[in-house]
Each structure stands twice: as structure tokens, then as C-alpha cells.
Amino acid sequence: MDRDQSSTQSRALKASEIYDQPGYLLRRTHQVATAAFSQANADVDLTAVQFAALLHIRDTPGIDATRLAEAICFDRTTIGHVIGRLEAKGLIIRREGSLDKRTKQLRITARGSDLLTKVEQRVPAISDTILAPLNAAERQELLRLLTVLERHFPGQGGGGATKGDS
């Protein structure tokens, strides 16, 4: 290793340099996306994670918590909280599994379906809000690159949920 490489690798990161790091930029973008979802849905009591769970429950009637956690890349504990909140709001019901009584099958209620329809109609506007600074080509490229990153790390999204996400 030459002298220039050695000094570059051992140099301490300055606080101002954090703003150019992918982790920081992704976290900030996630905050923007979460805020856009919350703002667009201020009249309903539903988080983005609850929305994703409700979509999967609707589209996969009888799904259990383990499969739901895998589908939306969240840990089982967080999904348990999400399911509890959705059930308390009357948006889903839990029933014993037909083959395994310990497994609870999840189904959307009419109230949940109505709310989902309302929120689904807002998704394009939420996406437009998040992507507002980008032109059409940049939007397409960003989504392509994010998809590459997401697919490179399959099933690794489960550990990072925060209390506010459920």
C-alpha cells in the first residue's frame, strides 16, 4: 500500500462528510417518504407499514403473521404490533388456521377494505411528492437503482423497524 492510500484510509470522517454517505441519504429520503405518506393520510389512522400489511392481507386472504412479515420485510415482533393495531381498528380479523390452530389467519374486513381503497387512490400523489425534484428520466433511474439495491439484500429489511413505523 502506498503512502497516499494509507493516509486516505486512516483519515477520520468529518461530520460534514456524513451528508454524502448513502446511509444518511437513504435515511433522510425515508423520512421524507414517511412524512409524505403521513401528510397525505392525516385524516386516517394508518402508517405506511400498516398500509403495506393491509394490502398483503387483502391480496392474500388467510395469510399468517410469519408470511406477512416475510412479504413486507419486517421482523415478526413488529408485524405482531402492526397486526394488533389493525385488528384493534377493526380493519382485519384473526382466525384460527384450519390445519394448525396455533396459526392465526388474517383477513381484511369491509371497513379495512374501504380504508384501503381510499388510501390507494392517494399513492400516486404521494409518489409525486417524494419524486418532485426529479424529471421523468431521473425518476425512472432512481427507481431502477433502488430496485437493484433492494433485490441485492433480499429478506434483510426486517430488523430496522422503529416503533413509529408500526
Protein backbone atom coordinates (compact mmCIF):
# COMPACT_ATOMS: atom_id res chain seq x y z
CA MET A 1 0.00 0.00 0.00
CA ASP A 2 1.47 3.35 -0.92
CA ARG A 3 1.68 6.31 1.42
CA ASP A 4 -1.25 8.26 -0.15
CA GLN A 5 -3.60 5.27 0.10
CA SER A 6 -2.64 4.65 3.72
CA SER A 7 -3.31 8.23 4.79
CA THR A 8 -6.64 8.31 2.91
CA GLN A 9 -7.87 5.10 4.53
CA SER A 10 -6.93 6.10 8.06
CA ARG A 11 -8.24 9.68 7.85
CA ALA A 12 -11.13 10.34 10.21
CA LEU A 13 -14.51 11.12 8.70
CA LYS A 14 -15.54 14.73 9.25
CA ALA A 15 -19.06 15.49 10.43
CA SER A 16 -19.83 17.44 7.27
CA GLU A 17 -18.94 14.39 5.15
CA ILE A 18 -21.80 12.33 6.57
CA TYR A 19 -24.21 14.19 4.30
CA ASP A 20 -22.71 12.50 1.24
CA GLN A 21 -22.92 8.96 2.65
CA PRO A 22 -25.52 6.56 1.18
CA GLY A 23 -26.84 5.53 4.59
CA TYR A 24 -27.51 9.12 5.58
CA LEU A 25 -29.10 9.97 2.24
CA LEU A 26 -31.33 6.88 2.30
CA ARG A 27 -32.39 7.60 5.90
CA ARG A 28 -33.29 11.19 5.06
CA THR A 29 -35.17 10.10 1.94
CA HIS A 30 -37.04 7.55 4.04
CA GLN A 31 -38.00 10.34 6.43
CA VAL A 32 -39.30 12.40 3.51
CA ALA A 33 -41.28 9.44 2.17
CA THR A 34 -42.77 8.66 5.59
CA ALA A 35 -43.72 12.30 6.11
CA ALA A 36 -45.33 12.46 2.64
CA PHE A 37 -47.40 9.36 3.39
CA SER A 38 -48.43 10.67 6.81
CA GLN A 39 -49.32 14.10 5.49
CA ALA A 40 -51.42 12.71 2.62
CA ASN A 41 -53.23 10.44 5.06
CA ALA A 42 -53.60 12.79 8.01
CA ASP A 43 -57.35 12.13 8.04
CA VAL A 44 -56.91 8.37 8.53
CA ASP A 45 -55.11 6.50 11.29
CA LEU A 46 -52.78 4.37 9.16
CA THR A 47 -49.00 4.22 8.86
CA ALA A 48 -47.13 3.24 5.69
CA VAL A 49 -46.22 -0.13 7.24
CA GLN A 50 -49.85 -0.77 8.23
CA PHE A 51 -50.86 0.13 4.67
CA ALA A 52 -48.38 -2.39 3.22
CA ALA A 53 -49.61 -5.06 5.64
CA LEU A 54 -53.26 -4.33 4.82
CA LEU A 55 -52.53 -4.60 1.08
CA HIS A 56 -50.93 -8.02 1.58
CA ILE A 57 -53.72 -9.24 3.82
CA ARG A 58 -56.30 -8.17 1.24
CA ASP A 59 -54.39 -9.73 -1.65
CA THR A 60 -53.55 -12.93 0.27
CA PRO A 61 -56.63 -13.80 2.35
CA GLY A 62 -55.71 -16.16 5.17
CA ILE A 63 -52.02 -15.17 5.24
CA ASP A 64 -50.39 -15.74 8.63
CA ALA A 65 -48.09 -13.37 10.51
CA THR A 66 -44.89 -15.16 9.53
CA ARG A 67 -45.69 -15.00 5.81
CA LEU A 68 -46.80 -11.38 6.18
CA ALA A 69 -43.51 -10.47 7.89
CA GLU A 70 -41.59 -12.10 5.04
CA ALA A 71 -43.72 -10.39 2.38
CA ILE A 72 -43.09 -6.87 3.63
CA CYS A 73 -39.60 -7.49 5.08
CA PHE A 74 -40.32 -6.72 8.70
CA ASP A 75 -39.45 -8.71 11.77
CA ARG A 76 -42.08 -10.92 13.40
CA THR A 77 -42.32 -8.74 16.53
CA THR A 78 -43.05 -5.58 14.56
CA ILE A 79 -45.62 -7.42 12.44
CA GLY A 80 -47.27 -8.62 15.64
CA HIS A 81 -47.68 -4.98 16.72
CA VAL A 82 -48.95 -3.98 13.27
CA ILE A 83 -51.48 -6.83 13.25
CA GLY A 84 -52.64 -5.90 16.75
CA ARG A 85 -53.20 -2.28 15.74
CA LEU A 86 -55.03 -3.22 12.53
CA GLU A 87 -57.23 -5.61 14.47
CA ALA A 88 -57.96 -3.04 17.20
CA LYS A 89 -59.04 -0.58 14.50
CA GLY A 90 -61.42 -3.18 13.06
CA LEU A 91 -59.52 -3.33 9.76
CA ILE A 92 -58.63 -7.03 9.93
CA ILE A 93 -59.72 -10.15 11.77
CA ARG A 94 -57.64 -13.08 13.02
CA ARG A 95 -58.99 -16.62 12.85
CA GLU A 96 -57.53 -19.96 13.84
CA GLY A 97 -55.90 -21.83 11.00
CA SER A 98 -57.82 -24.79 9.65
CA LEU A 99 -54.80 -27.13 9.82
CA ASP A 100 -52.91 -25.61 12.74
CA LYS A 101 -54.94 -23.96 15.49
CA ARG A 102 -51.83 -22.09 16.70
CA THR A 103 -51.55 -20.26 13.38
CA LYS A 104 -53.80 -17.26 13.00
CA GLN A 105 -55.07 -16.49 9.53
CA LEU A 106 -55.59 -12.83 8.70
CA ARG A 107 -58.43 -11.39 6.65
CA ILE A 108 -59.39 -7.84 5.80
CA THR A 109 -62.76 -6.53 6.99
CA ALA A 110 -65.17 -4.40 4.96
CA ARG A 111 -64.00 -1.39 6.97
CA GLY A 112 -60.37 -2.25 6.17
CA SER A 113 -61.18 -2.68 2.50
CA ASP A 114 -62.92 0.71 2.37
CA LEU A 115 -59.99 2.43 4.05
CA LEU A 116 -57.52 0.69 1.78
CA THR A 117 -59.41 1.87 -1.31
CA LYS A 118 -59.29 5.44 0.00
CA VAL A 119 -55.56 5.35 0.73
CA GLU A 120 -54.65 3.51 -2.50
CA GLN A 121 -56.03 6.42 -4.51
CA ARG A 122 -53.51 8.70 -2.83
CA VAL A 123 -50.40 6.65 -3.63
CA PRO A 124 -49.63 8.31 -7.00
CA ALA A 125 -49.76 11.77 -5.40
CA ILE A 126 -47.51 10.60 -2.56
CA SER A 127 -45.00 9.26 -5.09
CA ASP A 128 -45.15 12.55 -6.99
CA THR A 129 -44.44 14.46 -3.78
CA ILE A 130 -41.41 12.30 -2.98
CA LEU A 131 -40.03 12.45 -6.51
CA ALA A 132 -40.94 16.12 -7.18
CA PRO A 133 -37.36 17.37 -7.66
CA LEU A 134 -36.66 14.79 -10.38
CA ASN A 135 -37.57 14.79 -14.06
CA ALA A 136 -39.17 11.71 -15.64
CA ALA A 137 -35.85 10.11 -16.66
CA GLU A 138 -34.34 10.72 -13.22
CA ARG A 139 -37.41 9.22 -11.53
CA GLN A 140 -37.13 6.10 -13.65
CA GLU A 141 -33.40 5.81 -12.96
CA LEU A 142 -33.81 6.32 -9.20
CA LEU A 143 -36.50 3.64 -9.03
CA ARG A 144 -34.29 1.31 -11.08
CA LEU A 145 -31.32 1.84 -8.78
CA LEU A 146 -33.38 1.46 -5.61
CA THR A 147 -34.77 -1.80 -7.01
CA VAL A 148 -31.23 -3.05 -7.67
CA LEU A 149 -30.26 -2.27 -4.07
CA GLU A 150 -33.41 -3.80 -2.59
CA ARG A 151 -33.05 -7.01 -4.60
CA HIS A 152 -29.39 -7.32 -3.65
CA PHE A 153 -30.35 -7.62 0.03
CA PRO A 154 -33.40 -9.96 0.00
CA GLY A 155 -35.05 -10.51 3.36
CA GLN A 156 -32.67 -8.19 5.18
CA GLY A 157 -35.15 -5.40 5.82
CA GLY A 158 -36.72 -6.92 8.91
CA GLY A 159 -34.53 -5.65 11.69
CA GLY A 160 -34.74 -1.92 11.19
CA ALA A 161 -38.33 -1.15 12.02
CA THR A 162 -38.90 1.53 14.58
CA LYS A 163 -41.77 1.99 16.98
CA GLY A 164 -43.15 4.80 14.82
CA ASP A 165 -43.32 2.51 11.80
CA SER A 166 -45.88 0.16 13.26
